[in-house]
N, C-alpha and C. Protein backbone atom coordinates (compact mmCIF):
# COMPACT_ATOMS: atom_id res chain seq x y z
N MET A 1 -69.04 -60.90 -50.86
CA MET A 1 -69.34 -59.98 -49.70
C MET A 1 -68.89 -60.77 -48.40
N PHE A 2 -69.54 -62.08 -48.19
CA PHE A 2 -69.24 -63.00 -47.11
C PHE A 2 -67.94 -63.00 -47.12
N ARG A 3 -67.20 -63.30 -48.16
CA ARG A 3 -65.59 -63.63 -48.19
C ARG A 3 -64.85 -62.51 -47.72
N ARG A 4 -65.34 -61.10 -48.01
CA ARG A 4 -64.63 -59.98 -47.55
C ARG A 4 -64.88 -59.78 -45.83
N PHE A 5 -66.19 -60.15 -45.57
CA PHE A 5 -66.32 -60.23 -44.04
C PHE A 5 -65.44 -61.05 -43.36
N LEU A 6 -65.22 -62.43 -43.91
CA LEU A 6 -64.37 -63.34 -43.27
C LEU A 6 -62.89 -62.97 -43.25
N LEU A 7 -62.32 -62.39 -44.41
CA LEU A 7 -61.06 -61.78 -44.40
C LEU A 7 -60.88 -60.69 -43.42
N ARG A 8 -61.84 -59.56 -43.33
CA ARG A 8 -61.56 -58.69 -42.42
C ARG A 8 -61.92 -59.02 -41.11
N THR A 9 -62.63 -60.18 -40.48
CA THR A 9 -62.77 -60.85 -39.46
C THR A 9 -61.35 -61.47 -38.84
N ALA A 10 -60.84 -62.37 -39.85
CA ALA A 10 -59.60 -62.75 -39.74
C ALA A 10 -58.33 -61.77 -39.43
N ALA A 11 -58.45 -60.82 -40.41
CA ALA A 11 -57.25 -59.66 -40.06
C ALA A 11 -57.63 -59.11 -38.62
N PHE A 12 -58.88 -58.71 -38.19
CA PHE A 12 -59.02 -58.18 -36.90
C PHE A 12 -58.78 -59.16 -35.92
N VAL A 13 -59.10 -60.14 -35.89
CA VAL A 13 -58.67 -61.22 -34.76
C VAL A 13 -57.00 -61.33 -34.92
N GLY A 14 -56.60 -61.56 -36.04
CA GLY A 14 -55.03 -61.63 -36.10
C GLY A 14 -54.23 -60.32 -35.43
N LEU A 15 -54.98 -59.27 -35.56
CA LEU A 15 -54.25 -58.14 -34.65
C LEU A 15 -54.41 -58.12 -33.09
N ILE A 16 -55.91 -58.18 -32.89
CA ILE A 16 -56.41 -57.96 -31.60
C ILE A 16 -55.73 -59.24 -30.71
N VAL A 17 -55.74 -60.36 -31.09
CA VAL A 17 -55.26 -61.65 -30.06
C VAL A 17 -53.88 -61.34 -29.70
N PRO A 18 -52.71 -61.04 -30.56
CA PRO A 18 -51.59 -61.12 -30.24
C PRO A 18 -51.33 -59.73 -29.42
N ALA A 19 -51.99 -58.59 -29.78
CA ALA A 19 -51.93 -57.40 -28.93
C ALA A 19 -52.43 -57.73 -27.43
N THR A 20 -53.55 -58.20 -27.36
CA THR A 20 -54.13 -58.71 -26.01
C THR A 20 -53.17 -59.57 -25.27
N PHE A 21 -52.63 -60.47 -25.85
CA PHE A 21 -51.78 -61.45 -25.31
C PHE A 21 -50.49 -60.65 -24.77
N GLY A 22 -49.84 -59.91 -25.64
CA GLY A 22 -48.80 -58.97 -25.27
C GLY A 22 -49.22 -58.18 -23.97
N LEU A 23 -50.38 -57.62 -24.14
CA LEU A 23 -50.48 -56.61 -22.90
C LEU A 23 -50.88 -57.44 -21.55
N ALA A 24 -51.28 -58.59 -21.69
CA ALA A 24 -51.61 -59.72 -20.74
C ALA A 24 -50.34 -60.04 -20.07
N LEU A 25 -49.22 -60.28 -20.99
CA LEU A 25 -47.94 -60.57 -20.45
C LEU A 25 -47.30 -59.28 -19.83
N LEU A 26 -47.44 -58.13 -20.05
CA LEU A 26 -47.08 -57.03 -19.45
C LEU A 26 -47.66 -56.82 -18.23
N ALA A 27 -48.82 -57.10 -18.04
CA ALA A 27 -49.61 -56.79 -16.90
C ALA A 27 -49.79 -58.06 -15.68
N ALA A 28 -48.97 -58.88 -16.10
CA ALA A 28 -48.87 -60.27 -15.34
C ALA A 28 -47.81 -59.83 -14.21
N PRO A 29 -48.35 -60.14 -12.94
CA PRO A 29 -47.39 -59.71 -11.82
C PRO A 29 -45.88 -60.60 -11.84
N ALA A 30 -44.85 -59.83 -11.60
CA ALA A 30 -43.73 -60.43 -11.88
C ALA A 30 -43.27 -60.69 -10.38
N TYR A 31 -43.14 -61.87 -9.63
CA TYR A 31 -42.85 -62.35 -8.58
C TYR A 31 -41.38 -62.36 -8.19
N PRO A 32 -40.81 -61.59 -7.22
CA PRO A 32 -39.47 -61.76 -7.11
C PRO A 32 -38.84 -62.89 -6.44
N ALA A 33 -37.50 -63.04 -6.56
CA ALA A 33 -37.12 -64.44 -6.17
C ALA A 33 -37.00 -64.36 -4.68
N PRO A 34 -37.52 -65.59 -4.04
CA PRO A 34 -37.64 -65.60 -2.58
C PRO A 34 -36.33 -65.19 -1.71
N VAL A 35 -36.45 -64.58 -0.77
CA VAL A 35 -35.61 -64.01 -0.04
C VAL A 35 -35.10 -65.22 0.86
N PRO A 36 -34.05 -65.38 1.31
CA PRO A 36 -33.57 -66.47 2.23
C PRO A 36 -34.15 -66.00 3.38
N ALA A 37 -34.76 -67.04 4.27
CA ALA A 37 -35.49 -66.85 5.72
C ALA A 37 -34.61 -66.03 6.87
N ASP A 38 -33.29 -66.47 6.90
CA ASP A 38 -32.58 -65.72 7.87
C ASP A 38 -32.33 -64.27 7.44
N SER A 39 -32.05 -63.80 6.25
CA SER A 39 -32.06 -62.31 6.09
C SER A 39 -33.33 -61.75 6.29
N CYS A 40 -34.56 -62.37 6.04
CA CYS A 40 -35.90 -61.79 5.88
C CYS A 40 -36.27 -61.51 7.70
N VAL A 41 -35.66 -62.56 8.43
CA VAL A 41 -36.16 -62.10 9.91
C VAL A 41 -35.50 -60.82 10.50
N SER A 42 -34.13 -60.86 9.96
CA SER A 42 -33.19 -59.85 10.45
C SER A 42 -33.58 -58.37 9.80
N ASN A 43 -33.95 -58.49 8.59
CA ASN A 43 -34.35 -57.23 7.78
C ASN A 43 -35.83 -56.84 8.33
N LEU A 44 -36.81 -57.87 8.50
CA LEU A 44 -37.99 -57.26 9.18
C LEU A 44 -38.05 -56.52 10.67
N ARG A 45 -36.94 -57.31 11.42
CA ARG A 45 -36.58 -56.72 12.63
C ARG A 45 -35.96 -55.36 12.59
N GLN A 46 -35.10 -55.37 11.67
CA GLN A 46 -34.41 -53.83 11.53
C GLN A 46 -35.35 -52.99 11.10
N ALA A 47 -36.06 -52.98 10.08
CA ALA A 47 -36.98 -52.37 9.63
C ALA A 47 -38.01 -51.64 10.78
N GLN A 48 -38.53 -52.59 11.48
CA GLN A 48 -39.44 -52.40 12.42
C GLN A 48 -38.78 -51.44 13.70
N VAL A 49 -37.64 -51.61 13.89
CA VAL A 49 -36.73 -50.89 14.95
C VAL A 49 -36.44 -49.63 14.61
N SER A 50 -36.13 -49.41 13.21
CA SER A 50 -35.84 -48.03 12.57
C SER A 50 -37.15 -47.29 12.55
N LEU A 51 -38.34 -48.14 12.07
CA LEU A 51 -39.63 -47.31 12.07
C LEU A 51 -39.95 -46.82 13.16
N ALA A 52 -39.89 -47.73 14.24
CA ALA A 52 -40.23 -47.38 15.46
C ALA A 52 -39.25 -46.14 16.45
N ALA A 53 -38.19 -45.96 15.90
CA ALA A 53 -37.23 -45.02 16.64
C ALA A 53 -37.84 -43.60 15.85
N VAL A 54 -38.10 -43.74 14.47
CA VAL A 54 -38.09 -42.47 13.76
C VAL A 54 -39.82 -42.01 14.13
N GLN A 55 -40.46 -43.04 14.36
CA GLN A 55 -42.05 -42.42 14.84
C GLN A 55 -42.05 -41.97 16.30
N ALA A 56 -41.29 -42.45 17.12
CA ALA A 56 -40.98 -41.83 18.47
C ALA A 56 -40.21 -40.25 18.37
N ARG A 57 -39.52 -40.26 17.48
CA ARG A 57 -38.69 -39.04 17.65
C ARG A 57 -39.87 -37.94 16.69
N VAL A 58 -40.65 -38.40 15.78
CA VAL A 58 -41.81 -37.36 15.34
C VAL A 58 -42.67 -37.23 16.40
N SER A 59 -43.05 -38.01 17.11
CA SER A 59 -44.01 -37.68 18.23
C SER A 59 -43.62 -37.01 19.49
N GLN A 60 -42.40 -36.99 19.42
CA GLN A 60 -41.59 -36.19 20.59
C GLN A 60 -41.43 -34.76 20.34
N THR A 61 -41.34 -34.49 18.88
CA THR A 61 -41.03 -33.10 18.40
C THR A 61 -42.11 -32.08 18.65
N SER A 62 -41.91 -30.97 19.02
CA SER A 62 -43.13 -30.05 19.16
C SER A 62 -43.70 -29.35 17.85
N LYS A 63 -44.83 -29.09 17.84
CA LYS A 63 -45.40 -28.52 16.56
C LYS A 63 -44.80 -27.18 16.20
N ALA A 64 -43.79 -26.58 17.07
CA ALA A 64 -43.49 -25.16 16.69
C ALA A 64 -42.40 -25.23 15.85
N ASP A 65 -41.69 -26.45 15.80
CA ASP A 65 -40.54 -26.32 15.00
C ASP A 65 -41.00 -27.11 13.74
N ASP A 66 -41.63 -26.43 12.73
CA ASP A 66 -42.09 -26.97 11.42
C ASP A 66 -40.95 -27.47 10.52
N ALA A 67 -39.78 -26.86 10.48
CA ALA A 67 -38.69 -27.52 9.77
C ALA A 67 -38.17 -28.89 10.06
N LYS A 68 -38.09 -28.85 11.55
CA LYS A 68 -37.54 -29.99 12.05
C LYS A 68 -38.78 -31.14 11.94
N LEU A 69 -39.97 -30.68 11.99
CA LEU A 69 -40.94 -31.72 12.14
C LEU A 69 -41.33 -32.19 10.60
N CYS A 70 -40.95 -31.28 9.78
CA CYS A 70 -41.25 -31.73 8.22
C CYS A 70 -39.94 -32.75 7.93
N SER A 71 -38.75 -32.34 8.31
CA SER A 71 -37.79 -33.32 7.90
C SER A 71 -37.93 -34.75 8.63
N LEU A 72 -38.43 -34.77 9.87
CA LEU A 72 -38.63 -35.94 10.46
C LEU A 72 -39.78 -36.61 9.65
N ASN A 73 -40.86 -35.90 9.42
CA ASN A 73 -41.95 -36.73 8.71
C ASN A 73 -41.32 -37.25 7.23
N GLN A 74 -40.77 -36.46 6.55
CA GLN A 74 -39.93 -37.12 5.47
C GLN A 74 -38.95 -38.40 5.66
N ARG A 75 -38.56 -38.34 7.00
CA ARG A 75 -37.52 -39.44 7.33
C ARG A 75 -38.44 -40.73 7.57
N TYR A 76 -39.66 -40.29 8.24
CA TYR A 76 -40.45 -41.35 8.64
C TYR A 76 -41.31 -42.00 7.14
N PHE A 77 -41.49 -41.23 6.32
CA PHE A 77 -42.19 -41.60 5.13
C PHE A 77 -41.23 -42.57 4.59
N PHE A 78 -39.83 -42.22 4.57
CA PHE A 78 -38.68 -43.06 4.03
C PHE A 78 -38.82 -44.53 4.58
N GLU A 79 -38.84 -44.37 5.85
CA GLU A 79 -38.67 -45.72 6.82
C GLU A 79 -39.90 -46.36 6.66
N LEU A 80 -40.98 -45.92 6.23
CA LEU A 80 -42.40 -46.62 5.97
C LEU A 80 -42.23 -47.31 5.00
N VAL A 81 -41.87 -46.66 3.61
CA VAL A 81 -41.85 -47.30 2.32
C VAL A 81 -40.64 -48.36 2.36
N LYS A 82 -39.82 -48.06 3.16
CA LYS A 82 -38.47 -49.18 3.34
C LYS A 82 -39.11 -50.42 4.09
N SER A 83 -39.71 -50.20 5.14
CA SER A 83 -40.51 -51.39 5.88
C SER A 83 -41.70 -52.13 5.04
N ARG A 84 -42.19 -51.19 4.17
CA ARG A 84 -43.49 -51.94 3.36
C ARG A 84 -42.61 -52.80 2.44
N ALA A 85 -41.36 -52.45 1.77
CA ALA A 85 -40.70 -53.12 0.67
C ALA A 85 -40.33 -54.38 1.63
N VAL A 86 -39.97 -54.43 2.68
CA VAL A 86 -39.32 -55.64 3.24
C VAL A 86 -40.45 -56.56 3.76
N THR A 87 -41.51 -56.02 4.11
CA THR A 87 -42.87 -56.75 4.36
C THR A 87 -43.28 -57.47 3.19
N ALA A 88 -43.15 -56.69 2.18
CA ALA A 88 -43.96 -57.41 0.82
C ALA A 88 -42.96 -58.43 0.37
N SER A 89 -41.81 -58.52 0.69
CA SER A 89 -40.75 -59.55 -0.03
C SER A 89 -40.57 -60.73 1.01
N CYS A 90 -40.80 -60.55 2.40
CA CYS A 90 -40.63 -61.32 3.42
C CYS A 90 -41.84 -62.25 4.09
N GLN A 91 -43.12 -61.57 4.13
CA GLN A 91 -43.88 -62.10 4.92
C GLN A 91 -44.91 -62.81 3.85
N LEU A 92 -45.76 -63.62 4.17
CA LEU A 92 -46.63 -64.41 3.42
C LEU A 92 -48.06 -64.54 4.09
N GLY A 93 -49.04 -64.82 3.05
CA GLY A 93 -50.36 -65.10 3.75
C GLY A 93 -51.13 -63.87 4.14
N PRO A 94 -52.18 -64.24 4.93
CA PRO A 94 -53.13 -62.87 5.39
C PRO A 94 -52.35 -62.03 6.27
N GLU A 95 -51.70 -62.44 6.96
CA GLU A 95 -50.54 -61.54 7.96
C GLU A 95 -49.92 -60.45 7.26
N ARG A 96 -49.53 -60.92 6.26
CA ARG A 96 -48.92 -59.94 5.01
C ARG A 96 -49.70 -59.08 4.59
N ASP A 97 -50.85 -59.62 4.09
CA ASP A 97 -51.79 -58.67 3.42
C ASP A 97 -52.44 -57.62 4.66
N ARG A 98 -52.51 -57.89 5.73
CA ARG A 98 -52.85 -57.02 6.88
C ARG A 98 -51.94 -55.98 7.15
N ALA A 99 -50.64 -56.37 7.16
CA ALA A 99 -49.37 -55.45 7.29
C ALA A 99 -49.54 -54.67 6.26
N LEU A 100 -49.53 -54.97 4.98
CA LEU A 100 -49.42 -54.01 3.85
C LEU A 100 -50.53 -53.10 3.88
N VAL A 101 -51.79 -53.48 4.00
CA VAL A 101 -52.89 -52.44 4.17
C VAL A 101 -52.39 -51.47 5.03
N ARG A 102 -52.03 -51.89 6.42
CA ARG A 102 -51.73 -51.11 7.42
C ARG A 102 -50.50 -49.92 6.89
N LEU A 103 -49.49 -50.42 6.45
CA LEU A 103 -48.36 -49.78 5.97
C LEU A 103 -48.79 -48.81 4.78
N ASP A 104 -49.69 -49.17 4.07
CA ASP A 104 -50.23 -48.21 2.98
C ASP A 104 -51.10 -47.09 3.53
N ALA A 105 -51.99 -47.33 4.54
CA ALA A 105 -52.73 -46.43 5.12
C ALA A 105 -51.64 -45.26 5.74
N ASP A 106 -50.73 -45.66 6.55
CA ASP A 106 -49.66 -44.96 7.01
C ASP A 106 -48.96 -44.17 6.10
N VAL A 107 -48.47 -44.79 5.02
CA VAL A 107 -47.71 -43.90 4.07
C VAL A 107 -48.64 -42.79 3.34
N GLU A 108 -49.94 -43.19 3.13
CA GLU A 108 -50.72 -42.15 2.52
C GLU A 108 -50.96 -40.95 3.49
N HIS A 109 -51.36 -41.33 4.79
CA HIS A 109 -51.34 -40.46 5.91
C HIS A 109 -50.16 -39.29 6.00
N ILE A 110 -49.03 -39.97 6.01
CA ILE A 110 -47.77 -39.24 6.06
C ILE A 110 -47.55 -38.32 4.94
N ASN A 111 -47.78 -38.84 3.80
CA ASN A 111 -47.72 -38.22 2.69
C ASN A 111 -48.52 -37.04 2.58
N GLY A 112 -49.86 -37.12 3.11
CA GLY A 112 -50.68 -35.99 3.30
C GLY A 112 -50.18 -34.95 4.42
N ASN A 113 -49.51 -35.54 5.38
CA ASN A 113 -48.84 -34.46 6.35
C ASN A 113 -47.68 -33.78 5.68
N ILE A 114 -46.97 -34.35 4.76
CA ILE A 114 -45.84 -33.71 4.29
C ILE A 114 -46.06 -32.59 3.34
N ALA A 115 -47.53 -32.99 2.39
CA ALA A 115 -47.84 -31.96 1.42
C ALA A 115 -48.48 -31.04 2.09
N ALA A 116 -49.13 -30.87 3.41
CA ALA A 116 -49.82 -29.82 3.95
C ALA A 116 -48.63 -29.13 4.64
N MET A 117 -47.65 -29.66 5.45
CA MET A 117 -46.61 -28.93 6.09
C MET A 117 -45.31 -28.41 5.52
N CYS A 118 -44.92 -29.10 4.68
CA CYS A 118 -43.55 -28.87 4.00
C CYS A 118 -43.93 -27.91 2.98
N ARG A 119 -43.19 -27.06 2.98
CA ARG A 119 -43.33 -25.90 1.73
C ARG A 119 -42.12 -25.66 0.90
């Protein structure tokens, strides 16, 4: 009886350990290759400029024109996601974390606006 217990324990461990290791490898974060600093600076600047331009157009559009406002909100959402991707790959440290939290909140807010407004 003890021998059967040992064999079943070994079989259980033999199944669980490799499966757990495989899942851990799949869940491990994959870090992208570092982007050269020169392109990061220009990409960040370009993303911020295009995001600010779309944001200004959204704020200047009247509430009466729902179709145009819906289209602009979708464009703003796209620019936010693009800006978040550039920020995630180019910035480091706590500054990056703060920017990503802010951009994630903006993405969630605009996504809610699109869901409520666009039909």
